[in-house]
């Protein structure tokens, strides 16, 4: 009897906010937000940055799949700017390499 391979777990997707030079915030999704931010900085991927360049990746949250990330992106895009700014203010990036291993 041949066993079928286990399905691979879904790749996580991320909702992110990028600050433009004029202070506005752009919301998007990607499977690699750092790479996508680099694309935005180089002027590729979103016409949003043609008038004001991307200057900082200011918020990232992880979702289990693309569909969930798209739903969250829609919710964030409907927020007022002050609410988006609160998200940015609450964001604490975690570098897992800096975290001590628990005993």
C-alpha atoms as a PDB file:
ATOM      1  CA  UNK A   1       0.000   0.000   0.000  1.00  0.00           C
ATOM      2  CA  UNK A   2       1.376   3.380  -1.028  1.00  0.00           C
ATOM      3  CA  UNK A   3       0.767   6.189   1.400  1.00  0.00           C
ATOM      4  CA  UNK A   4       0.021   9.611   0.041  1.00  0.00           C
ATOM      5  CA  UNK A   5       2.261  12.371   1.331  1.00  0.00           C
ATOM      6  CA  UNK A   6       0.877  14.611   4.023  1.00  0.00           C
ATOM      7  CA  UNK A   7      -0.446  17.902   2.737  1.00  0.00           C
ATOM      8  CA  UNK A   8       2.002  20.693   3.319  1.00  0.00           C
ATOM      9  CA  UNK A   9       0.871  23.301   5.805  1.00  0.00           C
ATOM     10  CA  UNK A  10      -0.411  26.524   4.278  1.00  0.00           C
ATOM     11  CA  UNK A  11       2.200  29.195   3.826  1.00  0.00           C
ATOM     12  CA  UNK A  12       1.600  32.170   6.127  1.00  0.00           C
ATOM     13  CA  UNK A  13       0.663  35.521   4.619  1.00  0.00           C
ATOM     14  CA  UNK A  14       1.203  38.932   6.127  1.00  0.00           C
ATOM     15  CA  UNK A  15      -0.745  42.176   6.256  1.00  0.00           C
ATOM     16  CA  UNK A  16       1.588  45.145   6.368  1.00  0.00           C
ATOM     17  CA  UNK A  17       1.584  48.929   6.518  1.00  0.00           C
ATOM     18  CA  UNK A  18       4.208  51.065   4.796  1.00  0.00           C
ATOM     19  CA  UNK A  19       4.793  54.720   5.602  1.00  0.00           C
ATOM     20  CA  UNK A  20       5.220  56.984   2.558  1.00  0.00           C
ATOM     21  CA  UNK A  21       7.427  60.080   2.568  1.00  0.00           C
ATOM     22  CA  UNK A  22       4.338  62.308   2.783  1.00  0.00           C
ATOM     23  CA  UNK A  23       3.219  60.543   6.009  1.00  0.00           C
ATOM     24  CA  UNK A  24       0.427  58.466   4.493  1.00  0.00           C
ATOM     25  CA  UNK A  25       0.069  54.741   5.147  1.00  0.00           C
ATOM     26  CA  UNK A  26      -0.268  52.018   2.519  1.00  0.00           C
ATOM     27  CA  UNK A  27      -1.805  48.659   3.461  1.00  0.00           C
ATOM     28  CA  UNK A  28      -1.052  45.479   1.538  1.00  0.00           C
ATOM     29  CA  UNK A  29      -0.523  41.726   1.844  1.00  0.00           C
ATOM     30  CA  UNK A  30       2.431  39.549   0.930  1.00  0.00           C
ATOM     31  CA  UNK A  31       4.013  36.213   1.702  1.00  0.00           C
ATOM     32  CA  UNK A  32       7.264  38.139   2.299  1.00  0.00           C
ATOM     33  CA  UNK A  33       6.663  41.694   3.563  1.00  0.00           C
ATOM     34  CA  UNK A  34      10.362  42.643   3.696  1.00  0.00           C
ATOM     35  CA  UNK A  35      10.833  41.738   0.013  1.00  0.00           C
ATOM     36  CA  UNK A  36       7.608  43.551  -0.892  1.00  0.00           C
ATOM     37  CA  UNK A  37       8.746  46.669   0.979  1.00  0.00           C
ATOM     38  CA  UNK A  38      11.995  46.616  -1.008  1.00  0.00           C
ATOM     39  CA  UNK A  39       9.917  46.462  -4.196  1.00  0.00           C
ATOM     40  CA  UNK A  40       7.854  49.433  -3.026  1.00  0.00           C
ATOM     41  CA  UNK A  41      11.036  51.392  -2.294  1.00  0.00           C
ATOM     42  CA  UNK A  42      12.272  50.740  -5.824  1.00  0.00           C
ATOM     43  CA  UNK A  43       8.985  52.060  -7.261  1.00  0.00           C
ATOM     44  CA  UNK A  44       7.601  48.659  -8.276  1.00  0.00           C
ATOM     45  CA  UNK A  45       4.356  47.016  -7.269  1.00  0.00           C
ATOM     46  CA  UNK A  46       2.044  49.872  -6.320  1.00  0.00           C
ATOM     47  CA  UNK A  47       1.222  53.146  -8.059  1.00  0.00           C
ATOM     48  CA  UNK A  48       0.533  54.525  -4.575  1.00  0.00           C
ATOM     49  CA  UNK A  49       4.259  55.224  -4.192  1.00  0.00           C
ATOM     50  CA  UNK A  50       4.683  57.062  -7.499  1.00  0.00           C
ATOM     51  CA  UNK A  51       3.793  60.385  -5.845  1.00  0.00           C
ATOM     52  CA  UNK A  52       5.511  59.776  -2.496  1.00  0.00           C
ATOM     53  CA  UNK A  53       8.203  57.103  -2.020  1.00  0.00           C
ATOM     54  CA  UNK A  54       8.006  54.291   0.542  1.00  0.00           C
ATOM     55  CA  UNK A  55      10.203  55.089   3.534  1.00  0.00           C
ATOM     56  CA  UNK A  56       9.458  52.512   6.268  1.00  0.00           C
ATOM     57  CA  UNK A  57       7.754  49.184   6.880  1.00  0.00           C
ATOM     58  CA  UNK A  58       5.897  50.152  10.051  1.00  0.00           C
ATOM     59  CA  UNK A  59       3.482  47.296  10.814  1.00  0.00           C
ATOM     60  CA  UNK A  60       3.289  43.563  10.048  1.00  0.00           C
ATOM     61  CA  UNK A  61       0.877  40.879  11.214  1.00  0.00           C
ATOM     62  CA  UNK A  62       0.863  37.200  10.276  1.00  0.00           C
ATOM     63  CA  UNK A  63      -2.165  35.219   9.066  1.00  0.00           C
ATOM     64  CA  UNK A  64      -2.389  31.468   8.368  1.00  0.00           C
ATOM     65  CA  UNK A  65      -3.303  31.826   4.693  1.00  0.00           C
ATOM     66  CA  UNK A  66      -3.900  34.312   1.892  1.00  0.00           C
ATOM     67  CA  UNK A  67      -7.681  34.403   2.342  1.00  0.00           C
ATOM     68  CA  UNK A  68      -7.406  35.399   6.013  1.00  0.00           C
ATOM     69  CA  UNK A  69      -4.796  38.033   5.152  1.00  0.00           C
ATOM     70  CA  UNK A  70      -7.063  39.490   2.447  1.00  0.00           C
ATOM     71  CA  UNK A  71      -9.974  39.723   4.908  1.00  0.00           C
ATOM     72  CA  UNK A  72      -7.795  41.506   7.469  1.00  0.00           C
ATOM     73  CA  UNK A  73      -6.386  43.842   4.799  1.00  0.00           C
ATOM     74  CA  UNK A  74      -9.940  44.884   3.867  1.00  0.00           C
ATOM     75  CA  UNK A  75     -10.725  45.606   7.529  1.00  0.00           C
ATOM     76  CA  UNK A  76      -7.579  47.672   8.018  1.00  0.00           C
ATOM     77  CA  UNK A  77      -8.151  49.633   4.805  1.00  0.00           C
ATOM     78  CA  UNK A  78     -11.588  50.671   6.125  1.00  0.00           C
ATOM     79  CA  UNK A  79     -10.085  52.115   9.323  1.00  0.00           C
ATOM     80  CA  UNK A  80      -9.605  55.837   9.763  1.00  0.00           C
ATOM     81  CA  UNK A  81      -6.013  57.031   9.665  1.00  0.00           C
ATOM     82  CA  UNK A  82      -5.962  57.607  13.448  1.00  0.00           C
ATOM     83  CA  UNK A  83      -6.849  53.932  14.019  1.00  0.00           C
ATOM     84  CA  UNK A  84      -4.124  52.833  11.588  1.00  0.00           C
ATOM     85  CA  UNK A  85      -1.677  55.058  13.477  1.00  0.00           C
ATOM     86  CA  UNK A  86      -2.673  53.280  16.717  1.00  0.00           C
ATOM     87  CA  UNK A  87      -1.868  49.939  15.052  1.00  0.00           C
ATOM     88  CA  UNK A  88       1.538  51.291  14.059  1.00  0.00           C
ATOM     89  CA  UNK A  89       2.148  52.617  17.595  1.00  0.00           C
ATOM     90  CA  UNK A  90       1.256  49.229  19.095  1.00  0.00           C
ATOM     91  CA  UNK A  91       3.587  47.267  16.807  1.00  0.00           C
ATOM     92  CA  UNK A  92       6.594  45.663  18.477  1.00  0.00           C
ATOM     93  CA  UNK A  93       8.728  43.695  16.011  1.00  0.00           C
ATOM     94  CA  UNK A  94      10.192  40.529  17.488  1.00  0.00           C
ATOM     95  CA  UNK A  95      13.507  39.150  16.283  1.00  0.00           C
ATOM     96  CA  UNK A  96      13.323  35.473  17.210  1.00  0.00           C
ATOM     97  CA  UNK A  97      17.123  35.235  17.096  1.00  0.00           C
ATOM     98  CA  UNK A  98      17.240  37.592  20.103  1.00  0.00           C
ATOM     99  CA  UNK A  99      14.752  35.602  22.189  1.00  0.00           C
ATOM    100  CA  UNK A 100      16.277  33.303  24.844  1.00  0.00           C
ATOM    101  CA  UNK A 101      15.283  29.657  24.696  1.00  0.00           C
ATOM    102  CA  UNK A 102      13.011  28.643  27.548  1.00  0.00           C
ATOM    103  CA  UNK A 103      14.227  25.864  29.802  1.00  0.00           C
END
